[in-house]
C-alpha cells in the first residue's frame, strides 16, 4: 500500500462501525469477533508488510490457516477470515474516500475579503 492509499484511523473506524452495526442487526456474533480482529490488523503497521504479503488476501480468498479450515466443525463459522474482512474494509474505505473527494476550486485572490487573506 503506498502513501496515497494509506487509510486514516477515521476512515477505518467509519467502515468498521458500519459493518459492525450490520452484523449486530443480524445477530452475528462470530462476524463481530472477526471484525474486531480485522480492525486490529488494519490499525497495525506490521500487517501491510507481514501477513498481507504472506497470505495475499482478497475479498474472496486468503492463504491463512483459518480460511483453509473454514469448513471445520471446530471453527463454527464459514464466513471470511480476519484478513479477508480487512481487505473488504480497505476497499469500502477507499470507495467512501473516492465518493467524498471534493474538488477545490481556486479563485483569484481579489475575490476574497481583505480580512480573510490576512
C-alpha atoms as a PDB file:
ATOM      1  CA  UNK A   1       0.000   0.000   0.000  1.00  0.00           C
ATOM      2  CA  UNK A   2       1.508   3.322  -0.954  1.00  0.00           C
ATOM      3  CA  UNK A   3       1.126   6.566   0.976  1.00  0.00           C
ATOM      4  CA  UNK A   4      -1.718   7.747  -1.238  1.00  0.00           C
ATOM      5  CA  UNK A   5      -3.886   4.745  -0.360  1.00  0.00           C
ATOM      6  CA  UNK A   6      -2.982   4.500   3.335  1.00  0.00           C
ATOM      7  CA  UNK A   7      -6.161   4.745   5.326  1.00  0.00           C
ATOM      8  CA  UNK A   8      -6.669   7.138   8.179  1.00  0.00           C
ATOM      9  CA  UNK A   9      -7.994   5.889  11.502  1.00  0.00           C
ATOM     10  CA  UNK A  10     -11.161   7.838  10.860  1.00  0.00           C
ATOM     11  CA  UNK A  11     -11.756   6.057   7.545  1.00  0.00           C
ATOM     12  CA  UNK A  12     -11.062   2.662   9.112  1.00  0.00           C
ATOM     13  CA  UNK A  13     -13.391   3.275  12.057  1.00  0.00           C
ATOM     14  CA  UNK A  14     -16.167   4.625   9.827  1.00  0.00           C
ATOM     15  CA  UNK A  15     -16.256   1.413   7.802  1.00  0.00           C
ATOM     16  CA  UNK A  16     -15.762  -0.757  10.893  1.00  0.00           C
ATOM     17  CA  UNK A  17     -18.734   0.871  12.641  1.00  0.00           C
ATOM     18  CA  UNK A  18     -20.952   0.384   9.591  1.00  0.00           C
ATOM     19  CA  UNK A  19     -20.005  -3.287   9.215  1.00  0.00           C
ATOM     20  CA  UNK A  20     -20.300  -3.949  12.944  1.00  0.00           C
ATOM     21  CA  UNK A  21     -23.755  -2.363  13.089  1.00  0.00           C
ATOM     22  CA  UNK A  22     -24.893  -4.581  10.204  1.00  0.00           C
ATOM     23  CA  UNK A  23     -23.531  -7.698  11.936  1.00  0.00           C
ATOM     24  CA  UNK A  24     -25.194  -6.681  15.198  1.00  0.00           C
ATOM     25  CA  UNK A  25     -28.554  -6.235  13.451  1.00  0.00           C
ATOM     26  CA  UNK A  26     -28.184  -9.770  12.057  1.00  0.00           C
ATOM     27  CA  UNK A  27     -27.178 -11.107  15.470  1.00  0.00           C
ATOM     28  CA  UNK A  28     -23.948 -12.497  14.010  1.00  0.00           C
ATOM     29  CA  UNK A  29     -21.579 -12.548  16.990  1.00  0.00           C
ATOM     30  CA  UNK A  30     -18.877 -14.509  15.125  1.00  0.00           C
ATOM     31  CA  UNK A  31     -18.822 -11.812  12.443  1.00  0.00           C
ATOM     32  CA  UNK A  32     -18.386  -9.150  15.125  1.00  0.00           C
ATOM     33  CA  UNK A  33     -15.437 -11.082  16.575  1.00  0.00           C
ATOM     34  CA  UNK A  34     -13.826 -11.266  13.113  1.00  0.00           C
ATOM     35  CA  UNK A  35     -14.447  -7.572  12.510  1.00  0.00           C
ATOM     36  CA  UNK A  36     -12.732  -6.749  15.802  1.00  0.00           C
ATOM     37  CA  UNK A  37      -9.698  -8.773  14.694  1.00  0.00           C
ATOM     38  CA  UNK A  38      -9.756  -7.167  11.228  1.00  0.00           C
ATOM     39  CA  UNK A  39      -9.833  -3.731  12.852  1.00  0.00           C
ATOM     40  CA  UNK A  40      -6.812  -4.652  14.954  1.00  0.00           C
ATOM     41  CA  UNK A  41      -4.738  -5.764  11.995  1.00  0.00           C
ATOM     42  CA  UNK A  42      -5.710  -2.741   9.893  1.00  0.00           C
ATOM     43  CA  UNK A  43      -4.507  -0.451  12.661  1.00  0.00           C
ATOM     44  CA  UNK A  44      -1.215  -2.363  12.828  1.00  0.00           C
ATOM     45  CA  UNK A  45       1.518  -1.075  10.523  1.00  0.00           C
ATOM     46  CA  UNK A  46       3.159  -4.516  10.506  1.00  0.00           C
ATOM     47  CA  UNK A  47       0.137  -6.056   8.740  1.00  0.00           C
ATOM     48  CA  UNK A  48       0.884  -4.311   5.467  1.00  0.00           C
ATOM     49  CA  UNK A  49       4.459  -5.650   5.332  1.00  0.00           C
ATOM     50  CA  UNK A  50       3.892  -9.010   7.042  1.00  0.00           C
ATOM     51  CA  UNK A  51       0.682 -11.002   6.976  1.00  0.00           C
ATOM     52  CA  UNK A  52      -0.791  -9.227   3.973  1.00  0.00           C
ATOM     53  CA  UNK A  53       2.211 -10.097   1.827  1.00  0.00           C
ATOM     54  CA  UNK A  54       2.373 -13.658   3.175  1.00  0.00           C
ATOM     55  CA  UNK A  55      -1.301 -14.586   2.755  1.00  0.00           C
ATOM     56  CA  UNK A  56      -2.240 -12.369  -0.216  1.00  0.00           C
ATOM     57  CA  UNK A  57      -5.853 -11.952   0.922  1.00  0.00           C
ATOM     58  CA  UNK A  58      -8.669 -10.812  -1.339  1.00  0.00           C
ATOM     59  CA  UNK A  59     -12.329 -10.381  -0.533  1.00  0.00           C
ATOM     60  CA  UNK A  60     -12.921 -13.938  -1.796  1.00  0.00           C
ATOM     61  CA  UNK A  61      -9.909 -15.954  -0.589  1.00  0.00           C
ATOM     62  CA  UNK A  62      -6.884 -15.999   1.667  1.00  0.00           C
ATOM     63  CA  UNK A  63      -3.823 -18.154   2.209  1.00  0.00           C
ATOM     64  CA  UNK A  64      -4.117 -18.353   6.013  1.00  0.00           C
ATOM     65  CA  UNK A  65      -4.921 -21.499   8.004  1.00  0.00           C
ATOM     66  CA  UNK A  66      -8.190 -20.018   9.258  1.00  0.00           C
ATOM     67  CA  UNK A  67      -9.534 -19.790   5.714  1.00  0.00           C
ATOM     68  CA  UNK A  68      -8.057 -23.169   4.774  1.00  0.00           C
ATOM     69  CA  UNK A  69     -10.034 -24.865   7.553  1.00  0.00           C
ATOM     70  CA  UNK A  70     -13.195 -22.770   7.154  1.00  0.00           C
ATOM     71  CA  UNK A  71     -15.444 -25.830   6.913  1.00  0.00           C
ATOM     72  CA  UNK A  72     -14.083 -27.428  10.077  1.00  0.00           C
ATOM     73  CA  UNK A  73     -16.727 -28.131  12.701  1.00  0.00           C
ATOM     74  CA  UNK A  74     -14.465 -26.602  15.378  1.00  0.00           C
ATOM     75  CA  UNK A  75     -14.453 -23.251  13.622  1.00  0.00           C
ATOM     76  CA  UNK A  76     -18.256 -22.992  13.629  1.00  0.00           C
ATOM     77  CA  UNK A  77     -18.099 -20.064  11.225  1.00  0.00           C
ATOM     78  CA  UNK A  78     -17.967 -20.226   7.427  1.00  0.00           C
ATOM     79  CA  UNK A  79     -17.528 -16.516   6.750  1.00  0.00           C
ATOM     80  CA  UNK A  80     -14.321 -14.783   5.754  1.00  0.00           C
ATOM     81  CA  UNK A  81     -11.191 -14.733   7.859  1.00  0.00           C
ATOM     82  CA  UNK A  82      -9.904 -11.557   9.509  1.00  0.00           C
ATOM     83  CA  UNK A  83      -7.584 -10.870   6.557  1.00  0.00           C
ATOM     84  CA  UNK A  84     -10.444 -11.064   4.068  1.00  0.00           C
ATOM     85  CA  UNK A  85     -12.592  -8.793   6.220  1.00  0.00           C
ATOM     86  CA  UNK A  86      -9.680  -6.350   6.462  1.00  0.00           C
ATOM     87  CA  UNK A  87      -9.488  -6.302   2.657  1.00  0.00           C
ATOM     88  CA  UNK A  88     -13.222  -5.657   2.400  1.00  0.00           C
ATOM     89  CA  UNK A  89     -12.887  -2.866   4.952  1.00  0.00           C
ATOM     90  CA  UNK A  90      -9.999  -1.321   2.984  1.00  0.00           C
ATOM     91  CA  UNK A  91     -11.920  -1.473  -0.294  1.00  0.00           C
ATOM     92  CA  UNK A  92     -15.001   0.036   1.349  1.00  0.00           C
ATOM     93  CA  UNK A  93     -12.976   2.830   2.937  1.00  0.00           C
ATOM     94  CA  UNK A  94     -11.269   3.645  -0.361  1.00  0.00           C
ATOM     95  CA  UNK A  95     -14.645   3.667  -2.122  1.00  0.00           C
ATOM     96  CA  UNK A  96     -16.016   6.057   0.506  1.00  0.00           C
ATOM     97  CA  UNK A  97     -12.952   8.242   0.085  1.00  0.00           C
ATOM     98  CA  UNK A  98     -13.456   8.374  -3.684  1.00  0.00           C
ATOM     99  CA  UNK A  99     -17.150   9.176  -3.264  1.00  0.00           C
ATOM    100  CA  UNK A 100     -16.400  12.055  -0.914  1.00  0.00           C
ATOM    101  CA  UNK A 101     -13.488  13.659  -2.718  1.00  0.00           C
ATOM    102  CA  UNK A 102     -14.012  17.364  -3.117  1.00  0.00           C
ATOM    103  CA  UNK A 103     -12.538  19.353  -5.930  1.00  0.00           C
ATOM    104  CA  UNK A 104     -11.036  22.581  -4.672  1.00  0.00           C
ATOM    105  CA  UNK A 105     -11.611  25.473  -6.996  1.00  0.00           C
ATOM    106  CA  UNK A 106      -9.056  28.197  -6.613  1.00  0.00           C
ATOM    107  CA  UNK A 107     -10.392  31.671  -7.036  1.00  0.00           C
ATOM    108  CA  UNK A 108      -8.470  34.836  -7.738  1.00  0.00           C
ATOM    109  CA  UNK A 109      -7.060  36.468  -4.629  1.00  0.00           C
ATOM    110  CA  UNK A 110      -9.081  39.621  -5.281  1.00  0.00           C
ATOM    111  CA  UNK A 111     -12.396  37.802  -4.776  1.00  0.00           C
ATOM    112  CA  UNK A 112     -11.673  37.257  -1.062  1.00  0.00           C
ATOM    113  CA  UNK A 113     -12.354  39.976   1.521  1.00  0.00           C
ATOM    114  CA  UNK A 114      -9.169  41.528   2.921  1.00  0.00           C
ATOM    115  CA  UNK A 115      -9.755  40.103   6.428  1.00  0.00           C
ATOM    116  CA  UNK A 116      -9.821  36.523   5.058  1.00  0.00           C
ATOM    117  CA  UNK A 117      -6.473  36.898   3.275  1.00  0.00           C
ATOM    118  CA  UNK A 118      -4.671  38.496   6.216  1.00  0.00           C
END
